PDB file of N, CA and C in Angstrom:
ATOM      1  N   UNK A   1      47.927  81.900 -86.911  1.00  0.00           N
ATOM      2  CA  UNK A   1      46.634  82.328 -87.001  1.00  0.00           C
ATOM      3  C   UNK A   1      46.146  80.950 -85.765  1.00  0.00           C
ATOM      4  N   UNK A   2      45.635  81.658 -84.598  1.00  0.00           N
ATOM      5  CA  UNK A   2      45.082  81.160 -83.876  1.00  0.00           C
ATOM      6  C   UNK A   2      44.008  79.403 -83.809  1.00  0.00           C
ATOM      7  N   UNK A   3      43.485  78.590 -82.491  1.00  0.00           N
ATOM      8  CA  UNK A   3      43.215  77.353 -82.859  1.00  0.00           C
ATOM      9  C   UNK A   3      41.791  78.437 -83.184  1.00  0.00           C
ATOM     10  N   UNK A   4      41.046  78.872 -82.710  1.00  0.00           N
ATOM     11  CA  UNK A   4      39.926  79.547 -83.121  1.00  0.00           C
ATOM     12  C   UNK A   4      39.669  80.575 -84.240  1.00  0.00           C
ATOM     13  N   UNK A   5      40.645  81.158 -84.330  1.00  0.00           N
ATOM     14  CA  UNK A   5      40.661  82.107 -85.435  1.00  0.00           C
ATOM     15  C   UNK A   5      40.670  81.532 -87.169  1.00  0.00           C
ATOM     16  N   UNK A   6      40.962  80.492 -87.015  1.00  0.00           N
ATOM     17  CA  UNK A   6      41.381  79.319 -89.057  1.00  0.00           C
ATOM     18  C   UNK A   6      39.909  78.962 -89.042  1.00  0.00           C
ATOM     19  N   UNK A   7      38.848  78.316 -87.697  1.00  0.00           N
ATOM     20  CA  UNK A   7      37.757  77.891 -88.054  1.00  0.00           C
ATOM     21  C   UNK A   7      37.039  78.783 -88.177  1.00  0.00           C
ATOM     22  N   UNK A   8      37.219  80.142 -87.140  1.00  0.00           N
ATOM     23  CA  UNK A   8      36.103  81.413 -87.966  1.00  0.00           C
ATOM     24  C   UNK A   8      36.331  81.963 -88.864  1.00  0.00           C
ATOM     25  N   UNK A   9      37.144  82.106 -89.239  1.00  0.00           N
ATOM     26  CA  UNK A   9      37.659  82.550 -90.714  1.00  0.00           C
ATOM     27  C   UNK A   9      36.895  82.306 -91.950  1.00  0.00           C
ATOM     28  N   UNK A  10      36.868  80.630 -91.721  1.00  0.00           N
ATOM     29  CA  UNK A  10      36.560  79.971 -92.055  1.00  0.00           C
ATOM     30  C   UNK A  10      35.276  79.725 -92.684  1.00  0.00           C
ATOM     31  N   UNK A  11      34.534  79.723 -91.721  1.00  0.00           N
ATOM     32  CA  UNK A  11      32.914  80.426 -91.478  1.00  0.00           C
ATOM     33  C   UNK A  11      33.099  81.501 -92.740  1.00  0.00           C
ATOM     34  N   UNK A  12      33.611  82.686 -91.802  1.00  0.00           N
ATOM     35  CA  UNK A  12      32.998  83.975 -92.701  1.00  0.00           C
ATOM     36  C   UNK A  12      33.502  84.014 -94.162  1.00  0.00           C
ATOM     37  N   UNK A  13      34.714  82.963 -94.346  1.00  0.00           N
ATOM     38  CA  UNK A  13      34.786  83.135 -95.731  1.00  0.00           C
ATOM     39  C   UNK A  13      33.208  82.574 -96.732  1.00  0.00           C
ATOM     40  N   UNK A  14      32.686  81.661 -96.045  1.00  0.00           N
ATOM     41  CA  UNK A  14      32.042  80.848 -96.538  1.00  0.00           C
ATOM     42  C   UNK A  14      30.909  81.003 -96.670  1.00  0.00           C
ATOM     43  N   UNK A  15      30.700  82.349 -95.426  1.00  0.00           N
ATOM     44  CA  UNK A  15      28.950  83.029 -95.199  1.00  0.00           C
ATOM     45  C   UNK A  15      29.545  84.261 -96.830  1.00  0.00           C
ATOM     46  N   UNK A  16      30.533  84.720 -96.625  1.00  0.00           N
ATOM     47  CA  UNK A  16      30.767  85.550 -97.530  1.00  0.00           C
ATOM     48  C   UNK A  16      30.646  85.365 -99.522  1.00  0.00           C
ATOM     49  N   UNK A  17      30.917  84.198 -99.459  1.00  0.00           N
ATOM     50  CA  UNK A  17      30.662  83.169-100.738  1.00  0.00           C
ATOM     51  C   UNK A  17      29.407  83.331-101.076  1.00  0.00           C
ATOM     52  N   UNK A  18      28.164  82.474-100.353  1.00  0.00           N
ATOM     53  CA  UNK A  18      27.213  82.791-100.042  1.00  0.00           C
ATOM     54  C   UNK A  18      26.295  84.168-100.589  1.00  0.00           C
ATOM     55  N   UNK A  19      26.962  84.836-100.145  1.00  0.00           N
ATOM     56  CA  UNK A  19      26.247  86.616-100.128  1.00  0.00           C
ATOM     57  C   UNK A  19      26.833  86.780-101.383  1.00  0.00           C
ATOM     58  N   UNK A  20      27.484  86.066-102.194  1.00  0.00           N
ATOM     59  CA  UNK A  20      27.871  86.956-103.550  1.00  0.00           C
ATOM     60  C   UNK A  20      27.034  86.233-104.364  1.00  0.00           C
ATOM     61  N   UNK A  21      27.043  84.548-104.476  1.00  0.00           N
ATOM     62  CA  UNK A  21      26.479  83.842-105.327  1.00  0.00           C
ATOM     63  C   UNK A  21      24.821  84.451-105.213  1.00  0.00           C
ATOM     64  N   UNK A  22      24.581  84.612-103.816  1.00  0.00           N
ATOM     65  CA  UNK A  22      22.992  84.504-103.531  1.00  0.00           C
ATOM     66  C   UNK A  22      21.924  85.663-105.439  1.00  0.00           C
ATOM     67  N   UNK A  23      20.833  85.478-105.108  1.00  0.00           N
ATOM     68  CA  UNK A  23      19.934  85.360-106.613  1.00  0.00           C
ATOM     69  C   UNK A  23      18.234  85.720-105.971  1.00  0.00           C
ATOM     70  N   UNK A  24      18.259  87.651-106.080  1.00  0.00           N
ATOM     71  CA  UNK A  24      17.054  87.251-105.651  1.00  0.00           C
ATOM     72  C   UNK A  24      15.687  87.100-106.797  1.00  0.00           C
ATOM     73  N   UNK A  25      14.470  86.342-106.030  1.00  0.00           N
ATOM     74  CA  UNK A  25      13.755  86.082-107.037  1.00  0.00           C
ATOM     75  C   UNK A  25      12.281  86.659-106.271  1.00  0.00           C
ATOM     76  N   UNK A  26      11.460  86.786-107.258  1.00  0.00           N
ATOM     77  CA  UNK A  26      10.033  87.073-106.983  1.00  0.00           C
ATOM     78  C   UNK A  26       9.245  86.817-105.835  1.00  0.00           C
ATOM     79  N   UNK A  27       8.752  86.861-105.050  1.00  0.00           N
ATOM     80  CA  UNK A  27       7.722  86.249-104.488  1.00  0.00           C
ATOM     81  C   UNK A  27       6.183  86.500-103.567  1.00  0.00           C
ATOM     82  N   UNK A  28       5.189  85.820-104.006  1.00  0.00           N
ATOM     83  CA  UNK A  28       4.065  86.431-104.314  1.00  0.00           C
ATOM     84  C   UNK A  28       2.939  85.258-102.999  1.00  0.00           C
ATOM     85  N   UNK A  29       2.036  86.252-102.628  1.00  0.00           N
ATOM     86  CA  UNK A  29       0.948  85.505-101.435  1.00  0.00           C
ATOM     87  C   UNK A  29      -0.215  85.475-101.711  1.00  0.00           C
ATOM     88  N   UNK A  30      -0.951  85.196-102.134  1.00  0.00           N
ATOM     89  CA  UNK A  30      -2.606  85.468-102.315  1.00  0.00           C
ATOM     90  C   UNK A  30      -3.206  85.256-100.988  1.00  0.00           C
ATOM     91  N   UNK A  31      -3.976  86.650-101.371  1.00  0.00           N
ATOM     92  CA  UNK A  31      -4.880  86.495 -99.593  1.00  0.00           C
ATOM     93  C   UNK A  31      -6.022  86.551-100.505  1.00  0.00           C
ATOM     94  N   UNK A  32      -7.399  85.910 -99.769  1.00  0.00           N
ATOM     95  CA  UNK A  32      -8.830  85.903-100.425  1.00  0.00           C
ATOM     96  C   UNK A  32      -9.309  85.805 -98.819  1.00  0.00           C
ATOM     97  N   UNK A  33     -10.747  86.327 -98.907  1.00  0.00           N
ATOM     98  CA  UNK A  33     -11.717  86.003 -98.192  1.00  0.00           C
ATOM     99  C   UNK A  33     -12.654  84.758 -98.731  1.00  0.00           C
ATOM    100  N   UNK A  34     -12.777  83.930 -98.503  1.00  0.00           N
ATOM    101  CA  UNK A  34     -13.796  82.534 -99.184  1.00  0.00           C
ATOM    102  C   UNK A  34     -15.082  82.803 -97.857  1.00  0.00           C
ATOM    103  N   UNK A  35     -16.778  82.643 -98.669  1.00  0.00           N
ATOM    104  CA  UNK A  35     -18.157  82.681 -98.126  1.00  0.00           C
ATOM    105  C   UNK A  35     -17.828  80.746 -98.188  1.00  0.00           C
ATOM    106  N   UNK A  36     -18.442  80.307 -97.094  1.00  0.00           N
ATOM    107  CA  UNK A  36     -18.934  78.852 -96.991  1.00  0.00           C
ATOM    108  C   UNK A  36     -20.095  79.206 -95.871  1.00  0.00           C
ATOM    109  N   UNK A  37     -20.696  77.863 -96.226  1.00  0.00           N
ATOM    110  CA  UNK A  37     -21.812  77.360 -95.088  1.00  0.00           C
ATOM    111  C   UNK A  37     -21.694  77.799 -93.642  1.00  0.00           C
ATOM    112  N   UNK A  38     -20.319  77.856 -93.005  1.00  0.00           N
ATOM    113  CA  UNK A  38     -20.061  78.140 -91.762  1.00  0.00           C
ATOM    114  C   UNK A  38     -20.060  79.483 -91.654  1.00  0.00           C
ATOM    115  N   UNK A  39     -19.848  79.841 -93.087  1.00  0.00           N
ATOM    116  CA  UNK A  39     -19.406  81.978 -92.584  1.00  0.00           C
ATOM    117  C   UNK A  39     -18.390  82.202 -93.143  1.00  0.00           C
ATOM    118  N   UNK A  40     -17.574  83.249 -93.539  1.00  0.00           N
ATOM    119  CA  UNK A  40     -16.478  83.747 -93.997  1.00  0.00           C
ATOM    120  C   UNK A  40     -14.982  83.449 -93.332  1.00  0.00           C
ATOM    121  N   UNK A  41     -14.436  83.397 -94.098  1.00  0.00           N
ATOM    122  CA  UNK A  41     -12.988  82.548 -93.392  1.00  0.00           C
ATOM    123  C   UNK A  41     -12.087  83.614 -94.408  1.00  0.00           C
ATOM    124  N   UNK A  42     -10.889  83.312 -93.892  1.00  0.00           N
ATOM    125  CA  UNK A  42     -10.168  84.632 -94.522  1.00  0.00           C
ATOM    126  C   UNK A  42      -8.770  82.987 -95.036  1.00  0.00           C
ATOM    127  N   UNK A  43      -8.249  82.818 -96.532  1.00  0.00           N
ATOM    128  CA  UNK A  43      -7.053  82.393 -96.394  1.00  0.00           C
ATOM    129  C   UNK A  43      -5.637  82.935 -97.032  1.00  0.00           C
ATOM    130  N   UNK A  44      -4.916  81.969 -97.480  1.00  0.00           N
ATOM    131  CA  UNK A  44      -3.920  82.284 -97.995  1.00  0.00           C
ATOM    132  C   UNK A  44      -3.112  81.064 -98.727  1.00  0.00           C
ATOM    133  N   UNK A  45      -2.353  81.331 -99.743  1.00  0.00           N
ATOM    134  CA  UNK A  45      -1.485  80.107-100.358  1.00  0.00           C
ATOM    135  C   UNK A  45      -0.645  81.272-101.051  1.00  0.00           C
ATOM    136  N   UNK A  46       0.660  79.773-100.789  1.00  0.00           N
ATOM    137  CA  UNK A  46       1.932  80.594-101.423  1.00  0.00           C
ATOM    138  C   UNK A  46       2.614  79.293-101.509  1.00  0.00           C
ATOM    139  N   UNK A  47       3.832  79.992-102.486  1.00  0.00           N
ATOM    140  CA  UNK A  47       4.556  78.333-103.106  1.00  0.00           C
ATOM    141  C   UNK A  47       5.485  77.973-101.987  1.00  0.00           C
ATOM    142  N   UNK A  48       5.978  76.788-101.614  1.00  0.00           N
ATOM    143  CA  UNK A  48       7.030  76.956-100.877  1.00  0.00           C
ATOM    144  C   UNK A  48       8.112  75.935-101.497  1.00  0.00           C
ATOM    145  N   UNK A  49       9.668  76.259-101.457  1.00  0.00           N
ATOM    146  CA  UNK A  49      10.697  75.134-102.217  1.00  0.00           C
ATOM    147  C   UNK A  49      10.900  74.218-101.343  1.00  0.00           C
ATOM    148  N   UNK A  50      12.106  73.709-102.116  1.00  0.00           N
ATOM    149  CA  UNK A  50      12.741  72.779-101.425  1.00  0.00           C
ATOM    150  C   UNK A  50      14.059  73.141-101.323  1.00  0.00           C
ATOM    151  N   UNK A  51      14.486  73.068-100.088  1.00  0.00           N
ATOM    152  CA  UNK A  51      15.429  73.662 -99.424  1.00  0.00           C
ATOM    153  C   UNK A  51      16.886  72.344 -99.615  1.00  0.00           C
ATOM    154  N   UNK A  52      17.907  73.178-100.508  1.00  0.00           N
ATOM    155  CA  UNK A  52      18.790  72.152-100.916  1.00  0.00           C
ATOM    156  C   UNK A  52      19.746  71.854 -99.879  1.00  0.00           C
ATOM    157  N   UNK A  53      20.193  72.761 -99.048  1.00  0.00           N
ATOM    158  CA  UNK A  53      21.178  72.505 -97.711  1.00  0.00           C
ATOM    159  C   UNK A  53      21.025  71.501 -96.827  1.00  0.00           C
ATOM    160  N   UNK A  54      19.744  71.399 -96.513  1.00  0.00           N
ATOM    161  CA  UNK A  54      19.604  70.560 -95.026  1.00  0.00           C
ATOM    162  C   UNK A  54      18.361  69.541 -95.865  1.00  0.00           C
ATOM    163  N   UNK A  55      18.703  69.376 -97.153  1.00  0.00           N
ATOM    164  CA  UNK A  55      18.323  67.861 -97.843  1.00  0.00           C
ATOM    165  C   UNK A  55      17.037  67.744 -97.635  1.00  0.00           C
ATOM    166  N   UNK A  56      15.812  68.775 -97.079  1.00  0.00           N
ATOM    167  CA  UNK A  56      14.651  68.264 -96.463  1.00  0.00           C
ATOM    168  C   UNK A  56      13.710  69.041 -97.770  1.00  0.00           C
ATOM    169  N   UNK A  57      12.747  68.268 -98.149  1.00  0.00           N
ATOM    170  CA  UNK A  57      11.708  68.108 -99.384  1.00  0.00           C
ATOM    171  C   UNK A  57      10.742  69.402 -98.589  1.00  0.00           C
ATOM    172  N   UNK A  58       9.625  69.725 -99.205  1.00  0.00           N
ATOM    173  CA  UNK A  58       8.242  70.208 -98.851  1.00  0.00           C
ATOM    174  C   UNK A  58       7.553  69.727-100.441  1.00  0.00           C
ATOM    175  N   UNK A  59       6.253  70.003-100.203  1.00  0.00           N
ATOM    176  CA  UNK A  59       5.410  70.258-101.333  1.00  0.00           C
ATOM    177  C   UNK A  59       5.883  71.490-102.203  1.00  0.00           C
ATOM    178  N   UNK A  60       5.483  71.378-103.669  1.00  0.00           N
ATOM    179  CA  UNK A  60       5.724  72.587-104.235  1.00  0.00           C
ATOM    180  C   UNK A  60       4.818  73.984-103.898  1.00  0.00           C
ATOM    181  N   UNK A  61       3.559  73.203-103.299  1.00  0.00           N
ATOM    182  CA  UNK A  61       2.409  74.305-103.299  1.00  0.00           C
ATOM    183  C   UNK A  61       1.945  74.214-101.566  1.00  0.00           C
ATOM    184  N   UNK A  62       1.349  75.140-100.742  1.00  0.00           N
ATOM    185  CA  UNK A  62       0.790  74.666 -99.538  1.00  0.00           C
ATOM    186  C   UNK A  62      -0.236  75.715 -99.454  1.00  0.00           C
ATOM    187  N   UNK A  63      -1.184  75.347 -98.592  1.00  0.00           N
ATOM    188  CA  UNK A  63      -2.557  76.523 -98.406  1.00  0.00           C
ATOM    189  C   UNK A  63      -2.388  76.736 -97.325  1.00  0.00           C
ATOM    190  N   UNK A  64      -2.633  77.586 -97.105  1.00  0.00           N
ATOM    191  CA  UNK A  64      -2.786  77.899 -95.147  1.00  0.00           C
ATOM    192  C   UNK A  64      -4.483  78.833 -94.716  1.00  0.00           C
ATOM    193  N   UNK A  65      -5.193  77.938 -94.236  1.00  0.00           N
ATOM    194  CA  UNK A  65      -6.629  79.122 -93.701  1.00  0.00           C
ATOM    195  C   UNK A  65      -6.335  79.316 -92.337  1.00  0.00           C
ATOM    196  N   UNK A  66      -7.448  79.833 -92.016  1.00  0.00           N
ATOM    197  CA  UNK A  66      -7.829  80.848 -90.357  1.00  0.00           C
ATOM    198  C   UNK A  66      -5.907  81.700 -89.849  1.00  0.00           C
ATOM    199  N   UNK A  67      -5.998  83.200 -91.341  1.00  0.00           N
ATOM    200  CA  UNK A  67      -4.625  83.614 -91.145  1.00  0.00           C
ATOM    201  C   UNK A  67      -5.007  84.911 -90.227  1.00  0.00           C
TER     202      UNK A  67
END
């Protein structure tokens, strides 16, 4: 193996192992139209998860308005 082939092969093997271990899960997103004194607006709610690989944490839920 050459200087570039060994690290490249390691990357491919790691990626293949991640793909094989992947477990799908249901994803839900709620859309609604709300009436307010200033007028109607669209809102959206979805659940955010923690990203274990990057060590980043997020809120357990988040709402986004004005979609």
